[in-house]
Amino acid sequence: MKIRDILVLPSAKILLVLLDGPKNDKEIVSTLKMSSTTYNENITWLLAHGFIQKIDSKYSLTDKAKQQLVNVFLPLVPYIERLKELAITTTT
């Protein structure tokens, strides 16, 4: 699976939204604008596999999810910085 495929998965999008902190169902769905079916399937999968936890009707990332996100995104930081540089030079 390629990284772009991982980044477009609904479950990955949910994890990225939760980087900003705990959110309830409505907040996640409205941010991602995904169908309730897609949302329910993915939130259930993330809970079952220990990537998120639900406390007081809000979901948050587990340490397992945080570590996975670090493993996936940390190697990309130099490329993201380069993309920022390219964006600045093309807009000026």
Protein backbone atom coordinates (compact mmCIF):
# COMPACT_ATOMS: atom_id res chain seq x y z
CA MET A 1 0.00 0.00 0.00
CA LYS A 2 1.34 3.41 -0.95
CA ILE A 3 1.38 6.33 1.49
CA ARG A 4 -1.19 8.28 -0.50
CA ASP A 5 -3.53 5.30 -0.18
CA ILE A 6 -3.02 5.27 3.58
CA LEU A 7 -3.68 9.00 3.87
CA VAL A 8 -7.02 8.83 2.08
CA LEU A 9 -8.38 5.98 4.19
CA PRO A 10 -11.28 7.17 6.35
CA SER A 11 -9.69 5.63 9.44
CA ALA A 12 -6.49 7.62 8.84
CA LYS A 13 -8.50 10.80 8.43
CA ILE A 14 -10.22 10.16 11.77
CA LEU A 15 -6.84 9.71 13.46
CA LEU A 16 -5.56 12.95 11.99
CA VAL A 17 -8.63 14.86 13.19
CA LEU A 18 -8.07 13.50 16.68
CA LEU A 19 -4.54 14.93 16.72
CA ASP A 20 -6.18 18.21 17.76
CA GLY A 21 -7.65 16.54 20.84
CA PRO A 22 -10.72 14.58 21.89
CA LYS A 23 -13.82 14.94 19.74
CA ASN A 24 -17.33 13.50 19.76
CA ASP A 25 -19.09 11.78 16.86
CA LYS A 26 -20.71 14.94 15.55
CA GLU A 27 -17.46 16.92 15.57
CA ILE A 28 -15.58 14.22 13.66
CA VAL A 29 -18.30 13.63 11.08
CA SER A 30 -18.83 17.34 10.43
CA THR A 31 -15.09 17.93 10.04
CA LEU A 32 -14.60 15.04 7.63
CA LYS A 33 -17.97 15.20 5.89
CA MET A 34 -18.17 11.42 5.59
CA SER A 35 -21.26 9.26 5.51
CA SER A 36 -22.52 7.79 8.76
CA THR A 37 -21.96 4.27 7.39
CA THR A 38 -18.32 4.96 6.55
CA TYR A 39 -17.82 6.72 9.87
CA ASN A 40 -19.39 3.93 11.94
CA GLU A 41 -17.39 1.21 10.19
CA ASN A 42 -14.12 3.04 10.71
CA ILE A 43 -14.67 4.26 14.25
CA THR A 44 -15.62 0.70 15.22
CA TRP A 45 -12.48 -0.67 13.59
CA LEU A 46 -10.25 1.92 15.30
CA LEU A 47 -11.78 1.14 18.70
CA ALA A 48 -11.51 -2.63 18.20
CA HIS A 49 -7.85 -2.39 17.22
CA GLY A 50 -6.86 -0.09 20.08
CA PHE A 51 -6.06 3.04 18.08
CA ILE A 52 -8.65 5.21 19.83
CA GLN A 53 -10.50 5.18 23.11
CA LYS A 54 -13.87 6.61 24.05
CA ILE A 55 -14.19 8.52 27.30
CA ASP A 56 -17.31 10.52 28.20
CA SER A 57 -18.65 10.36 24.62
CA LYS A 58 -15.40 11.72 23.16
CA TYR A 59 -12.80 9.82 21.21
CA SER A 60 -9.08 10.32 21.70
CA LEU A 61 -5.91 8.76 20.35
CA THR A 62 -4.22 5.96 22.25
CA ASP A 63 -0.46 5.74 22.65
CA LYS A 64 -0.52 3.02 19.98
CA ALA A 65 -2.07 5.42 17.47
CA LYS A 66 0.30 8.24 18.37
CA GLN A 67 3.29 5.97 17.83
CA GLN A 68 1.94 4.79 14.48
CA LEU A 69 1.39 8.38 13.34
CA VAL A 70 4.94 9.29 14.37
CA ASN A 71 6.29 6.27 12.48
CA VAL A 72 4.39 7.25 9.34
CA PHE A 73 4.78 11.02 9.34
CA LEU A 74 8.15 11.78 10.94
CA PRO A 75 10.12 10.50 7.94
CA LEU A 76 8.03 12.82 5.75
CA VAL A 77 8.97 16.05 7.57
CA PRO A 78 11.92 16.93 5.29
CA TYR A 79 9.70 16.48 2.24
CA ILE A 80 6.94 18.61 3.76
CA GLU A 81 9.48 21.36 4.44
CA ARG A 82 10.63 21.16 0.83
CA LEU A 83 7.03 21.38 -0.37
CA LYS A 84 6.58 24.52 1.73
CA GLU A 85 9.66 26.04 0.13
CA LEU A 86 8.34 25.20 -3.33
CA ALA A 87 4.95 26.69 -2.51
CA ILE A 88 6.56 29.93 -1.35
CA THR A 89 8.71 30.27 -4.46
CA THR A 90 5.81 29.60 -6.82
CA THR A 91 3.52 32.15 -5.17
CA THR A 92 6.03 35.01 -5.18
